[in-house]
């Protein structure tokens, strides 16, 4: 299932920073189970190209009191500290509980010839 298509390769805003506003509604998605995220870079004609990028999955955390705005907490970061960015076509396992709202932040995208980045999700199935 496609979560969203990002136009261009510019870094996303870091929504986990308290100074930032929430991610746009089109970038907030509900998940109900452990999932596999796949990031695919494409040319303007839709042809897949090899690329790498950093991915930060943020979970919406409700405000602690009425009227307090929600915050966004990082629950998945690829690459981990000291690792190289993963190839964009490899699935990334995301462990979530039931009924969480996430936003996927993409940055450090390197994909020569790419015009868009597709982010897909499906239930995680062990091989």
PDB file of N, CA and C in Angstrom:
ATOM      1  N   UNK A   1       0.847  -1.169   0.000  1.00  0.00           N
ATOM      2  CA  UNK A   1       0.000   0.000   0.000  1.00  0.00           C
ATOM      3  C   UNK A   1       0.896   1.236   0.000  1.00  0.00           C
ATOM      4  N   UNK A   2       0.628   2.153  -0.891  1.00  0.00           N
ATOM      5  CA  UNK A   2       1.419   3.375  -0.956  1.00  0.00           C
ATOM      6  C   UNK A   2       0.996   4.334   0.150  1.00  0.00           C
ATOM      7  N   UNK A   3       1.983   4.799   0.933  1.00  0.00           N
ATOM      8  CA  UNK A   3       1.704   5.819   1.939  1.00  0.00           C
ATOM      9  C   UNK A   3       1.678   7.198   1.301  1.00  0.00           C
ATOM     10  N   UNK A   4       2.736   7.512   0.521  1.00  0.00           N
ATOM     11  CA  UNK A   4       2.796   8.810  -0.131  1.00  0.00           C
ATOM     12  C   UNK A   4       3.897   8.816  -1.175  1.00  0.00           C
ATOM     13  N   UNK A   5       3.839   9.815  -2.042  1.00  0.00           N
ATOM     14  CA  UNK A   5       4.900  10.082  -3.010  1.00  0.00           C
ATOM     15  C   UNK A   5       5.448  11.465  -2.709  1.00  0.00           C
ATOM     16  N   UNK A   6       6.733  11.526  -2.491  1.00  0.00           N
ATOM     17  CA  UNK A   6       7.415  12.801  -2.237  1.00  0.00           C
ATOM     18  C   UNK A   6       7.922  13.342  -3.558  1.00  0.00           C
ATOM     19  N   UNK A   7       7.579  14.575  -3.872  1.00  0.00           N
ATOM     20  CA  UNK A   7       8.066  15.232  -5.086  1.00  0.00           C
ATOM     21  C   UNK A   7       9.420  15.864  -4.785  1.00  0.00           C
ATOM     22  N   UNK A   8      10.411  15.553  -5.583  1.00  0.00           N
ATOM     23  CA  UNK A   8      11.742  16.130  -5.387  1.00  0.00           C
ATOM     24  C   UNK A   8      12.545  15.386  -4.337  1.00  0.00           C
ATOM     25  N   UNK A   9      13.814  15.783  -4.208  1.00  0.00           N
ATOM     26  CA  UNK A   9      14.735  15.074  -3.320  1.00  0.00           C
ATOM     27  C   UNK A   9      15.195  15.923  -2.144  1.00  0.00           C
ATOM     28  N   UNK A  10      14.573  17.060  -1.915  1.00  0.00           N
ATOM     29  CA  UNK A  10      14.958  17.923  -0.793  1.00  0.00           C
ATOM     30  C   UNK A  10      14.652  17.244   0.537  1.00  0.00           C
ATOM     31  N   UNK A  11      15.447  17.566   1.560  1.00  0.00           N
ATOM     32  CA  UNK A  11      15.224  17.016   2.898  1.00  0.00           C
ATOM     33  C   UNK A  11      13.877  17.463   3.444  1.00  0.00           C
ATOM     34  N   UNK A  12      13.188  16.559   4.160  1.00  0.00           N
ATOM     35  CA  UNK A  12      11.964  16.925   4.866  1.00  0.00           C
ATOM     36  C   UNK A  12      12.317  17.713   6.122  1.00  0.00           C
ATOM     37  N   UNK A  13      11.360  18.490   6.607  1.00  0.00           N
ATOM     38  CA  UNK A  13      11.486  19.196   7.882  1.00  0.00           C
ATOM     39  C   UNK A  13      11.618  18.168   9.000  1.00  0.00           C
ATOM     40  N   UNK A  14      12.381  18.500  10.046  1.00  0.00           N
ATOM     41  CA  UNK A  14      12.493  17.609  11.208  1.00  0.00           C
ATOM     42  C   UNK A  14      11.324  17.898  12.140  1.00  0.00           C
ATOM     43  N   UNK A  15      10.244  17.144  12.005  1.00  0.00           N
ATOM     44  CA  UNK A  15       9.024  17.378  12.773  1.00  0.00           C
ATOM     45  C   UNK A  15       9.179  17.007  14.245  1.00  0.00           C
ATOM     46  N   UNK A  16      10.267  16.313  14.615  1.00  0.00           N
ATOM     47  CA  UNK A  16      10.452  15.967  16.026  1.00  0.00           C
ATOM     48  C   UNK A  16      10.953  17.163  16.830  1.00  0.00           C
ATOM     49  N   UNK A  17      11.416  18.206  16.161  1.00  0.00           N
ATOM     50  CA  UNK A  17      11.875  19.406  16.846  1.00  0.00           C
ATOM     51  C   UNK A  17      10.668  20.134  17.435  1.00  0.00           C
ATOM     52  N   UNK A  18      10.724  20.481  18.719  1.00  0.00           N
ATOM     53  CA  UNK A  18       9.573  21.165  19.340  1.00  0.00           C
ATOM     54  C   UNK A  18       9.208  22.480  18.657  1.00  0.00           C
ATOM     55  N   UNK A  19      10.145  23.074  17.945  1.00  0.00           N
ATOM     56  CA  UNK A  19       9.880  24.351  17.280  1.00  0.00           C
ATOM     57  C   UNK A  19       9.088  24.182  15.983  1.00  0.00           C
ATOM     58  N   UNK A  20       8.951  22.957  15.501  1.00  0.00           N
ATOM     59  CA  UNK A  20       8.295  22.718  14.214  1.00  0.00           C
ATOM     60  C   UNK A  20       6.809  22.448  14.384  1.00  0.00           C
ATOM     61  N   UNK A  21       6.072  22.722  13.322  1.00  0.00           N
ATOM     62  CA  UNK A  21       4.651  22.394  13.294  1.00  0.00           C
ATOM     63  C   UNK A  21       4.500  20.920  12.931  1.00  0.00           C
ATOM     64  N   UNK A  22       3.278  20.425  13.014  1.00  0.00           N
ATOM     65  CA  UNK A  22       3.027  19.031  12.668  1.00  0.00           C
ATOM     66  C   UNK A  22       3.305  18.772  11.191  1.00  0.00           C
ATOM     67  N   UNK A  23       3.590  17.521  10.862  1.00  0.00           N
ATOM     68  CA  UNK A  23       3.700  17.159   9.450  1.00  0.00           C
ATOM     69  C   UNK A  23       2.362  17.426   8.753  1.00  0.00           C
ATOM     70  N   UNK A  24       2.388  17.692   7.453  1.00  0.00           N
ATOM     71  CA  UNK A  24       1.124  17.880   6.729  1.00  0.00           C
ATOM     72  C   UNK A  24       0.239  16.634   6.872  1.00  0.00           C
ATOM     73  N   UNK A  25      -1.058  16.820   6.795  1.00  0.00           N
ATOM     74  CA  UNK A  25      -1.998  15.705   6.962  1.00  0.00           C
ATOM     75  C   UNK A  25      -1.692  14.551   6.006  1.00  0.00           C
ATOM     76  N   UNK A  26      -1.257  14.848   4.789  1.00  0.00           N
ATOM     77  CA  UNK A  26      -0.946  13.807   3.816  1.00  0.00           C
ATOM     78  C   UNK A  26       0.276  12.990   4.154  1.00  0.00           C
ATOM     79  N   UNK A  27       1.038  13.414   5.155  1.00  0.00           N
ATOM     80  CA  UNK A  27       2.223  12.677   5.577  1.00  0.00           C
ATOM     81  C   UNK A  27       2.006  11.965   6.914  1.00  0.00           C
ATOM     82  N   UNK A  28       0.792  12.051   7.490  1.00  0.00           N
ATOM     83  CA  UNK A  28       0.458  11.347   8.724  1.00  0.00           C
ATOM     84  C   UNK A  28      -0.365  10.114   8.363  1.00  0.00           C
ATOM     85  N   UNK A  29       0.034   8.965   8.911  1.00  0.00           N
ATOM     86  CA  UNK A  29      -0.603   7.710   8.518  1.00  0.00           C
ATOM     87  C   UNK A  29      -0.818   6.817   9.731  1.00  0.00           C
ATOM     88  N   UNK A  30      -1.969   6.165   9.785  1.00  0.00           N
ATOM     89  CA  UNK A  30      -2.266   5.229  10.863  1.00  0.00           C
ATOM     90  C   UNK A  30      -1.740   3.846  10.535  1.00  0.00           C
ATOM     91  N   UNK A  31      -1.097   3.216  11.513  1.00  0.00           N
ATOM     92  CA  UNK A  31      -0.640   1.833  11.371  1.00  0.00           C
ATOM     93  C   UNK A  31      -1.228   1.016  12.511  1.00  0.00           C
ATOM     94  N   UNK A  32      -1.484  -0.260  12.232  1.00  0.00           N
ATOM     95  CA  UNK A  32      -2.097  -1.136  13.223  1.00  0.00           C
ATOM     96  C   UNK A  32      -1.240  -2.332  13.604  1.00  0.00           C
ATOM     97  N   UNK A  33      -0.101  -2.508  12.937  1.00  0.00           N
ATOM     98  CA  UNK A  33       0.721  -3.683  13.211  1.00  0.00           C
ATOM     99  C   UNK A  33       2.154  -3.458  12.750  1.00  0.00           C
ATOM    100  N   UNK A  34       3.036  -4.371  13.143  1.00  0.00           N
ATOM    101  CA  UNK A  34       4.416  -4.311  12.677  1.00  0.00           C
ATOM    102  C   UNK A  34       4.403  -4.319  11.156  1.00  0.00           C
ATOM    103  N   UNK A  35       5.155  -3.403  10.570  1.00  0.00           N
ATOM    104  CA  UNK A  35       5.078  -3.182   9.129  1.00  0.00           C
ATOM    105  C   UNK A  35       6.444  -3.128   8.484  1.00  0.00           C
ATOM    106  N   UNK A  36       6.452  -3.306   7.180  1.00  0.00           N
ATOM    107  CA  UNK A  36       7.662  -3.151   6.374  1.00  0.00           C
ATOM    108  C   UNK A  36       7.486  -1.908   5.519  1.00  0.00           C
ATOM    109  N   UNK A  37       8.412  -0.961   5.664  1.00  0.00           N
ATOM    110  CA  UNK A  37       8.419   0.234   4.828  1.00  0.00           C
ATOM    111  C   UNK A  37       9.378   0.018   3.679  1.00  0.00           C
ATOM    112  N   UNK A  38       8.992   0.433   2.508  1.00  0.00           N
ATOM    113  CA  UNK A  38       9.881   0.393   1.354  1.00  0.00           C
ATOM    114  C   UNK A  38       9.913   1.782   0.741  1.00  0.00           C
ATOM    115  N   UNK A  39      11.114   2.261   0.466  1.00  0.00           N
ATOM    116  CA  UNK A  39      11.319   3.577  -0.139  1.00  0.00           C
ATOM    117  C   UNK A  39      11.899   3.337  -1.530  1.00  0.00           C
ATOM    118  N   UNK A  40      11.245   3.886  -2.561  1.00  0.00           N
ATOM    119  CA  UNK A  40      11.678   3.659  -3.940  1.00  0.00           C
ATOM    120  C   UNK A  40      11.806   5.003  -4.650  1.00  0.00           C
ATOM    121  N   UNK A  41      12.973   5.259  -5.230  1.00  0.00           N
ATOM    122  CA  UNK A  41      13.210   6.478  -6.004  1.00  0.00           C
ATOM    123  C   UNK A  41      12.854   6.210  -7.457  1.00  0.00           C
ATOM    124  N   UNK A  42      12.209   7.191  -8.103  1.00  0.00           N
ATOM    125  CA  UNK A  42      11.783   7.032  -9.499  1.00  0.00           C
ATOM    126  C   UNK A  42      12.093   8.285 -10.309  1.00  0.00           C
ATOM    127  N   UNK A  43      12.284   8.070 -11.605  1.00  0.00           N
ATOM    128  CA  UNK A  43      12.425   9.199 -12.531  1.00  0.00           C
ATOM    129  C   UNK A  43      11.048   9.817 -12.744  1.00  0.00           C
ATOM    130  N   UNK A  44      10.999  10.928 -13.450  1.00  0.00           N
ATOM    131  CA  UNK A  44       9.720  11.557 -13.779  1.00  0.00           C
ATOM    132  C   UNK A  44       8.818  10.651 -14.595  1.00  0.00           C
ATOM    133  N   UNK A  45       9.408   9.686 -15.329  1.00  0.00           N
ATOM    134  CA  UNK A  45       8.633   8.741 -16.131  1.00  0.00           C
ATOM    135  C   UNK A  45       8.223   7.501 -15.333  1.00  0.00           C
ATOM    136  N   UNK A  46       8.582   7.455 -14.034  1.00  0.00           N
ATOM    137  CA  UNK A  46       8.182   6.337 -13.188  1.00  0.00           C
ATOM    138  C   UNK A  46       9.137   5.158 -13.168  1.00  0.00           C
ATOM    139  N   UNK A  47      10.319   5.308 -13.769  1.00  0.00           N
ATOM    140  CA  UNK A  47      11.302   4.223 -13.792  1.00  0.00           C
ATOM    141  C   UNK A  47      12.084   4.227 -12.476  1.00  0.00           C
ATOM    142  N   UNK A  48      12.185   3.066 -11.832  1.00  0.00           N
ATOM    143  CA  UNK A  48      12.915   2.958 -10.574  1.00  0.00           C
ATOM    144  C   UNK A  48      14.403   3.175 -10.799  1.00  0.00           C
ATOM    145  N   UNK A  49      15.017   3.964  -9.907  1.00  0.00           N
ATOM    146  CA  UNK A  49      16.455   4.203  -9.966  1.00  0.00           C
ATOM    147  C   UNK A  49      17.077   3.823  -8.625  1.00  0.00           C
ATOM    148  N   UNK A  50      18.339   3.437  -8.666  1.00  0.00           N
ATOM    149  CA  UNK A  50      19.059   3.077  -7.457  1.00  0.00           C
ATOM    150  C   UNK A  50      19.339   4.342  -6.663  1.00  0.00           C
ATOM    151  N   UNK A  51      19.157   4.251  -5.378  1.00  0.00           N
ATOM    152  CA  UNK A  51      19.426   5.405  -4.533  1.00  0.00           C
ATOM    153  C   UNK A  51      19.588   4.993  -3.084  1.00  0.00           C
ATOM    154  N   UNK A  52      19.946   5.958  -2.265  1.00  0.00           N
ATOM    155  CA  UNK A  52      20.017   5.767  -0.818  1.00  0.00           C
ATOM    156  C   UNK A  52      19.369   6.977  -0.163  1.00  0.00           C
ATOM    157  N   UNK A  53      18.909   6.783   1.061  1.00  0.00           N
ATOM    158  CA  UNK A  53      18.395   7.914   1.825  1.00  0.00           C
ATOM    159  C   UNK A  53      18.336   7.540   3.291  1.00  0.00           C
ATOM    160  N   UNK A  54      18.246   8.554   4.114  1.00  0.00           N
ATOM    161  CA  UNK A  54      18.037   8.350   5.541  1.00  0.00           C
ATOM    162  C   UNK A  54      16.542   8.471   5.806  1.00  0.00           C
ATOM    163  N   UNK A  55      16.046   7.628   6.714  1.00  0.00           N
ATOM    164  CA  UNK A  55      14.618   7.570   7.019  1.00  0.00           C
ATOM    165  C   UNK A  55      14.446   7.703   8.528  1.00  0.00           C
ATOM    166  N   UNK A  56      13.568   8.594   8.948  1.00  0.00           N
ATOM    167  CA  UNK A  56      13.223   8.723  10.357  1.00  0.00           C
ATOM    168  C   UNK A  56      11.719   8.582  10.465  1.00  0.00           C
ATOM    169  N   UNK A  57      11.262   7.558  11.187  1.00  0.00           N
ATOM    170  CA  UNK A  57       9.833   7.349  11.394  1.00  0.00           C
ATOM    171  C   UNK A  57       9.485   7.946  12.753  1.00  0.00           C
ATOM    172  N   UNK A  58       8.508   8.837  12.735  1.00  0.00           N
ATOM    173  CA  UNK A  58       8.089   9.533  13.948  1.00  0.00           C
ATOM    174  C   UNK A  58       6.678   9.101  14.319  1.00  0.00           C
ATOM    175  N   UNK A  59       6.427   8.941  15.617  1.00  0.00           N
ATOM    176  CA  UNK A  59       5.109   8.574  16.120  1.00  0.00           C
ATOM    177  C   UNK A  59       4.496   9.774  16.831  1.00  0.00           C
ATOM    178  N   UNK A  60       3.215   9.994  16.580  1.00  0.00           N
ATOM    179  CA  UNK A  60       2.507  11.103  17.223  1.00  0.00           C
ATOM    180  C   UNK A  60       2.218  10.742  18.678  1.00  0.00           C
ATOM    181  N   UNK A  61       2.630  11.632  19.585  1.00  0.00           N
ATOM    182  CA  UNK A  61       2.409  11.450  21.019  1.00  0.00           C
ATOM    183  C   UNK A  61       1.466  12.556  21.469  1.00  0.00           C
ATOM    184  N   UNK A  62       0.266  12.189  21.963  1.00  0.00           N
ATOM    185  CA  UNK A  62      -0.698  13.219  22.362  1.00  0.00           C
ATOM    186  C   UNK A  62      -0.123  14.126  23.453  1.00  0.00           C
ATOM    187  N   UNK A  63      -0.622  15.368  23.506  1.00  0.00           N
ATOM    188  CA  UNK A  63      -0.231  16.277  24.576  1.00  0.00           C
ATOM    189  C   UNK A  63      -0.652  15.709  25.927  1.00  0.00           C
ATOM    190  N   UNK A  64       0.052  16.091  26.960  1.00  0.00           N
ATOM    191  CA  UNK A  64      -0.215  15.534  28.290  1.00  0.00           C
ATOM    192  C   UNK A  64      -1.392  16.197  28.990  1.00  0.00           C
ATOM    193  N   UNK A  65      -1.790  17.347  28.529  1.00  0.00           N
ATOM    194  CA  UNK A  65      -2.929  18.022  29.138  1.00  0.00           C
ATOM    195  C   UNK A  65      -3.817  18.581  28.023  1.00  0.00           C
ATOM    196  N   UNK A  66      -5.083  18.836  28.327  1.00  0.00           N
ATOM    197  CA  UNK A  66      -5.979  19.380  27.308  1.00  0.00           C
ATOM    198  C   UNK A  66      -5.414  20.689  26.742  1.00  0.00           C
ATOM    199  N   UNK A  67      -5.459  20.803  25.439  1.00  0.00           N
ATOM    200  CA  UNK A  67      -4.979  22.004  24.785  1.00  0.00           C
ATOM    201  C   UNK A  67      -3.493  21.983  24.455  1.00  0.00           C
ATOM    202  N   UNK A  68      -2.748  21.060  25.023  1.00  0.00           N
ATOM    203  CA  UNK A  68      -1.319  20.965  24.706  1.00  0.00           C
ATOM    204  C   UNK A  68      -1.166  20.234  23.388  1.00  0.00           C
ATOM    205  N   UNK A  69      -0.316  20.768  22.504  1.00  0.00           N
ATOM    206  CA  UNK A  69      -0.171  20.161  21.189  1.00  0.00           C
ATOM    207  C   UNK A  69       0.590  18.839  21.288  1.00  0.00           C
ATOM    208  N   UNK A  70       0.288  17.963  20.341  1.00  0.00           N
ATOM    209  CA  UNK A  70       0.966  16.667  20.270  1.00  0.00           C
ATOM    210  C   UNK A  70       2.420  16.883  19.873  1.00  0.00           C
ATOM    211  N   UNK A  71       3.257  15.908  20.205  1.00  0.00           N
ATOM    212  CA  UNK A  71       4.656  15.954  19.782  1.00  0.00           C
ATOM    213  C   UNK A  71       4.921  14.736  18.899  1.00  0.00           C
ATOM    214  N   UNK A  72       6.076  14.728  18.276  1.00  0.00           N
ATOM    215  CA  UNK A  72       6.455  13.645  17.371  1.00  0.00           C
ATOM    216  C   UNK A  72       7.764  13.039  17.858  1.00  0.00           C
ATOM    217  N   UNK A  73       7.704  11.755  18.242  1.00  0.00           N
ATOM    218  CA  UNK A  73       8.844  11.043  18.811  1.00  0.00           C
ATOM    219  C   UNK A  73       9.404  10.060  17.794  1.00  0.00           C
ATOM    220  N   UNK A  74      10.722  10.038  17.646  1.00  0.00           N
ATOM    221  CA  UNK A  74      11.361   9.108  16.719  1.00  0.00           C
ATOM    222  C   UNK A  74      11.239   7.684  17.242  1.00  0.00           C
ATOM    223  N   UNK A  75      10.738   6.776  16.382  1.00  0.00           N
ATOM    224  CA  UNK A  75      10.638   5.362  16.778  1.00  0.00           C
ATOM    225  C   UNK A  75      11.396   4.446  15.823  1.00  0.00           C
ATOM    226  N   UNK A  76      11.954   4.999  14.778  1.00  0.00           N
ATOM    227  CA  UNK A  76      12.727   4.204  13.836  1.00  0.00           C
ATOM    228  C   UNK A  76      13.635   5.109  13.042  1.00  0.00           C
ATOM    229  N   UNK A  77      14.926   4.783  13.006  1.00  0.00           N
ATOM    230  CA  UNK A  77      15.891   5.620  12.311  1.00  0.00           C
ATOM    231  C   UNK A  77      16.817   4.722  11.503  1.00  0.00           C
ATOM    232  N   UNK A  78      16.886   4.986  10.209  1.00  0.00           N
ATOM    233  CA  UNK A  78      17.800   4.256   9.332  1.00  0.00           C
ATOM    234  C   UNK A  78      18.607   5.281   8.550  1.00  0.00           C
ATOM    235  N   UNK A  79      19.875   5.234   8.495  1.00  0.00           N
ATOM    236  CA  UNK A  79      20.706   4.210   9.118  1.00  0.00           C
ATOM    237  C   UNK A  79      20.895   4.481  10.602  1.00  0.00           C
ATOM    238  N   UNK A  80      21.260   3.445  11.331  1.00  0.00           N
ATOM    239  CA  UNK A  80      21.627   3.617  12.730  1.00  0.00           C
ATOM    240  C   UNK A  80      22.965   4.342  12.776  1.00  0.00           C
ATOM    241  N   UNK A  81      23.293   4.876  13.919  1.00  0.00           N
ATOM    242  CA  UNK A  81      24.546   5.619  14.073  1.00  0.00           C
ATOM    243  C   UNK A  81      25.721   4.790  13.576  1.00  0.00           C
ATOM    244  N   UNK A  82      26.540   5.381  12.717  1.00  0.00           N
ATOM    245  CA  UNK A  82      27.736   4.720  12.214  1.00  0.00           C
ATOM    246  C   UNK A  82      27.526   3.826  11.015  1.00  0.00           C
ATOM    247  N   UNK A  83      26.281   3.628  10.582  1.00  0.00           N
ATOM    248  CA  UNK A  83      26.002   2.787   9.416  1.00  0.00           C
ATOM    249  C   UNK A  83      25.824   3.651   8.170  1.00  0.00           C
ATOM    250  N   UNK A  84      25.942   3.024   7.012  1.00  0.00           N
ATOM    251  CA  UNK A  84      25.686   3.706   5.745  1.00  0.00           C
ATOM    252  C   UNK A  84      24.186   3.710   5.472  1.00  0.00           C
ATOM    253  N   UNK A  85      23.689   4.719   4.748  1.00  0.00           N
ATOM    254  CA  UNK A  85      22.265   4.723   4.405  1.00  0.00           C
ATOM    255  C   UNK A  85      21.883   3.462   3.633  1.00  0.00           C
ATOM    256  N   UNK A  86      20.690   2.912   3.920  1.00  0.00           N
ATOM    257  CA  UNK A  86      20.270   1.699   3.219  1.00  0.00           C
ATOM    258  C   UNK A  86      19.876   1.986   1.778  1.00  0.00           C
ATOM    259  N   UNK A  87      20.002   0.972   0.935  1.00  0.00           N
ATOM    260  CA  UNK A  87      19.496   1.082  -0.436  1.00  0.00           C
ATOM    261  C   UNK A  87      17.999   1.328  -0.352  1.00  0.00           C
ATOM    262  N   UNK A  88      17.481   2.143  -1.243  1.00  0.00           N
ATOM    263  CA  UNK A  88      16.091   2.554  -1.121  1.00  0.00           C
ATOM    264  C   UNK A  88      15.088   1.456  -1.416  1.00  0.00           C
ATOM    265  N   UNK A  89      15.496   0.360  -2.025  1.00  0.00           N
ATOM    266  CA  UNK A  89      14.515  -0.676  -2.351  1.00  0.00           C
ATOM    267  C   UNK A  89      14.411  -1.760  -1.274  1.00  0.00           C
ATOM    268  N   UNK A  90      15.241  -1.706  -0.224  1.00  0.00           N
ATOM    269  CA  UNK A  90      15.192  -2.718   0.827  1.00  0.00           C
ATOM    270  C   UNK A  90      14.077  -2.391   1.819  1.00  0.00           C
ATOM    271  N   UNK A  91      13.309  -3.404   2.271  1.00  0.00           N
ATOM    272  CA  UNK A  91      12.263  -3.122   3.264  1.00  0.00           C
ATOM    273  C   UNK A  91      12.885  -2.836   4.628  1.00  0.00           C
ATOM    274  N   UNK A  92      12.290  -1.901   5.346  1.00  0.00           N
ATOM    275  CA  UNK A  92      12.723  -1.533   6.685  1.00  0.00           C
ATOM    276  C   UNK A  92      11.646  -1.963   7.666  1.00  0.00           C
ATOM    277  N   UNK A  93      12.010  -2.780   8.666  1.00  0.00           N
ATOM    278  CA  UNK A  93      11.027  -3.278   9.631  1.00  0.00           C
ATOM    279  C   UNK A  93      10.711  -2.196  10.647  1.00  0.00           C
ATOM    280  N   UNK A  94       9.416  -1.966  10.857  1.00  0.00           N
ATOM    281  CA  UNK A  94       8.942  -0.960  11.795  1.00  0.00           C
ATOM    282  C   UNK A  94       8.016  -1.630  12.803  1.00  0.00           C
ATOM    283  N   UNK A  95       8.483  -1.761  14.040  1.00  0.00           N
ATOM    284  CA  UNK A  95       7.666  -2.352  15.103  1.00  0.00           C
ATOM    285  C   UNK A  95       6.786  -1.270  15.708  1.00  0.00           C
ATOM    286  N   UNK A  96       5.477  -1.447  15.599  1.00  0.00           N
ATOM    287  CA  UNK A  96       4.536  -0.489  16.187  1.00  0.00           C
ATOM    288  C   UNK A  96       3.483  -1.248  16.967  1.00  0.00           C
ATOM    289  N   UNK A  97       2.844  -0.567  17.884  1.00  0.00           N
ATOM    290  CA  UNK A  97       1.715  -1.146  18.600  1.00  0.00           C
ATOM    291  C   UNK A  97       0.458  -0.981  17.761  1.00  0.00           C
ATOM    292  N   UNK A  98      -0.664  -1.111  18.397  1.00  0.00           N
ATOM    293  CA  UNK A  98      -1.934  -0.958  17.690  1.00  0.00           C
ATOM    294  C   UNK A  98      -2.314   0.503  17.564  1.00  0.00           C
ATOM    295  N   UNK A  99      -2.818   0.863  16.407  1.00  0.00           N
ATOM    296  CA  UNK A  99      -3.417   2.173  16.175  1.00  0.00           C
ATOM    297  C   UNK A  99      -2.502   3.344  16.536  1.00  0.00           C
ATOM    298  N   UNK A 100      -1.369   3.427  15.881  1.00  0.00           N
ATOM    299  CA  UNK A 100      -0.478   4.572  16.071  1.00  0.00           C
ATOM    300  C   UNK A 100      -0.504   5.433  14.816  1.00  0.00           C
ATOM    301  N   UNK A 101      -0.198   6.695  14.981  1.00  0.00           N
ATOM    302  CA  UNK A 101      -0.090   7.614  13.854  1.00  0.00           C
ATOM    303  C   UNK A 101       1.391   7.908  13.672  1.00  0.00           C
ATOM    304  N   UNK A 102       1.876   7.715  12.444  1.00  0.00           N
ATOM    305  CA  UNK A 102       3.280   7.943  12.143  1.00  0.00           C
ATOM    306  C   UNK A 102       3.435   8.989  11.042  1.00  0.00           C
ATOM    307  N   UNK A 103       4.624   9.522  10.952  1.00  0.00           N
ATOM    308  CA  UNK A 103       5.035  10.358   9.823  1.00  0.00           C
ATOM    309  C   UNK A 103       6.420   9.871   9.431  1.00  0.00           C
ATOM    310  N   UNK A 104       6.692   9.807   8.143  1.00  0.00           N
ATOM    311  CA  UNK A 104       7.980   9.334   7.644  1.00  0.00           C
ATOM    312  C   UNK A 104       8.757  10.526   7.105  1.00  0.00           C
ATOM    313  N   UNK A 105       9.911  10.777   7.713  1.00  0.00           N
ATOM    314  CA  UNK A 105      10.787  11.880   7.285  1.00  0.00           C
ATOM    315  C   UNK A 105      11.919  11.316   6.442  1.00  0.00           C
ATOM    316  N   UNK A 106      12.106  11.867   5.249  1.00  0.00           N
ATOM    317  CA  UNK A 106      13.176  11.450   4.340  1.00  0.00           C
ATOM    318  C   UNK A 106      14.198  12.571   4.215  1.00  0.00           C
ATOM    319  N   UNK A 107      15.482  12.203   4.262  1.00  0.00           N
ATOM    320  CA  UNK A 107      16.533  13.205   4.114  1.00  0.00           C
ATOM    321  C   UNK A 107      17.802  12.524   3.627  1.00  0.00           C
ATOM    322  N   UNK A 108      18.789  13.319   3.247  1.00  0.00           N
ATOM    323  CA  UNK A 108      20.041  12.794   2.679  1.00  0.00           C
ATOM    324  C   UNK A 108      19.768  11.872   1.488  1.00  0.00           C
ATOM    325  N   UNK A 109      18.824  12.247   0.653  1.00  0.00           N
ATOM    326  CA  UNK A 109      18.458  11.422  -0.498  1.00  0.00           C
ATOM    327  C   UNK A 109      19.500  11.602  -1.603  1.00  0.00           C
ATOM    328  N   UNK A 110      20.042  10.477  -2.053  1.00  0.00           N
ATOM    329  CA  UNK A 110      20.991  10.474  -3.165  1.00  0.00           C
ATOM    330  C   UNK A 110      20.467   9.467  -4.182  1.00  0.00           C
ATOM    331  N   UNK A 111      19.946   9.970  -5.295  1.00  0.00           N
ATOM    332  CA  UNK A 111      19.363   9.105  -6.319  1.00  0.00           C
ATOM    333  C   UNK A 111      19.451   9.833  -7.660  1.00  0.00           C
ATOM    334  N   UNK A 112      20.605   9.747  -8.334  1.00  0.00           N
ATOM    335  CA  UNK A 112      20.777  10.457  -9.603  1.00  0.00           C
ATOM    336  C   UNK A 112      19.657  10.128 -10.605  1.00  0.00           C
ATOM    337  N   UNK A 113      19.058  11.172 -11.136  1.00  0.00           N
ATOM    338  CA  UNK A 113      17.995  11.009 -12.122  1.00  0.00           C
ATOM    339  C   UNK A 113      16.607  10.889 -11.533  1.00  0.00           C
ATOM    340  N   UNK A 114      16.492  10.764 -10.210  1.00  0.00           N
ATOM    341  CA  UNK A 114      15.177  10.598  -9.585  1.00  0.00           C
ATOM    342  C   UNK A 114      14.459  11.937  -9.481  1.00  0.00           C
ATOM    343  N   UNK A 115      13.143  11.873  -9.593  1.00  0.00           N
ATOM    344  CA  UNK A 115      12.305  13.057  -9.451  1.00  0.00           C
ATOM    345  C   UNK A 115      11.323  12.909  -8.291  1.00  0.00           C
ATOM    346  N   UNK A 116      11.018  11.649  -7.929  1.00  0.00           N
ATOM    347  CA  UNK A 116      10.074  11.383  -6.836  1.00  0.00           C
ATOM    348  C   UNK A 116      10.607  10.256  -5.967  1.00  0.00           C
ATOM    349  N   UNK A 117      10.026  10.177  -4.763  1.00  0.00           N
ATOM    350  CA  UNK A 117      10.339   9.089  -3.842  1.00  0.00           C
ATOM    351  C   UNK A 117       9.011   8.525  -3.356  1.00  0.00           C
ATOM    352  N   UNK A 118       8.776   7.233  -3.613  1.00  0.00           N
ATOM    353  CA  UNK A 118       7.556   6.566  -3.160  1.00  0.00           C
ATOM    354  C   UNK A 118       7.838   5.841  -1.851  1.00  0.00           C
ATOM    355  N   UNK A 119       6.920   5.969  -0.899  1.00  0.00           N
ATOM    356  CA  UNK A 119       7.033   5.238   0.362  1.00  0.00           C
ATOM    357  C   UNK A 119       5.818   4.329   0.461  1.00  0.00           C
ATOM    358  N   UNK A 120       6.085   3.030   0.539  1.00  0.00           N
ATOM    359  CA  UNK A 120       5.030   2.022   0.627  1.00  0.00           C
ATOM    360  C   UNK A 120       5.116   1.303   1.963  1.00  0.00           C
ATOM    361  N   UNK A 121       4.014   0.714   2.386  1.00  0.00           N
ATOM    362  CA  UNK A 121       3.991  -0.046   3.640  1.00  0.00           C
ATOM    363  C   UNK A 121       3.150  -1.298   3.425  1.00  0.00           C
ATOM    364  N   UNK A 122       3.543  -2.362   4.108  1.00  0.00           N
ATOM    365  CA  UNK A 122       2.750  -3.596   4.114  1.00  0.00           C
ATOM    366  C   UNK A 122       3.024  -4.308   5.428  1.00  0.00           C
ATOM    367  N   UNK A 123       2.137  -5.210   5.837  1.00  0.00           N
ATOM    368  CA  UNK A 123       2.385  -5.943   7.080  1.00  0.00           C
ATOM    369  C   UNK A 123       3.708  -6.706   6.990  1.00  0.00           C
ATOM    370  N   UNK A 124       4.457  -6.712   8.079  1.00  0.00           N
ATOM    371  CA  UNK A 124       5.737  -7.430   8.134  1.00  0.00           C
ATOM    372  C   UNK A 124       5.453  -8.929   8.215  1.00  0.00           C
ATOM    373  N   UNK A 125       6.075  -9.678   7.362  1.00  0.00           N
ATOM    374  CA  UNK A 125       5.948 -11.137   7.380  1.00  0.00           C
ATOM    375  C   UNK A 125       7.359 -11.732   7.431  1.00  0.00           C
ATOM    376  N   UNK A 126       7.653 -12.487   8.468  1.00  0.00           N
ATOM    377  CA  UNK A 126       8.970 -13.116   8.574  1.00  0.00           C
ATOM    378  C   UNK A 126       9.132 -14.135   7.461  1.00  0.00           C
ATOM    379  N   UNK A 127      10.332 -14.185   6.904  1.00  0.00           N
ATOM    380  CA  UNK A 127      10.593 -15.111   5.795  1.00  0.00           C
ATOM    381  C   UNK A 127      10.778 -16.522   6.294  1.00  0.00           C
TER     382      UNK A 127
END
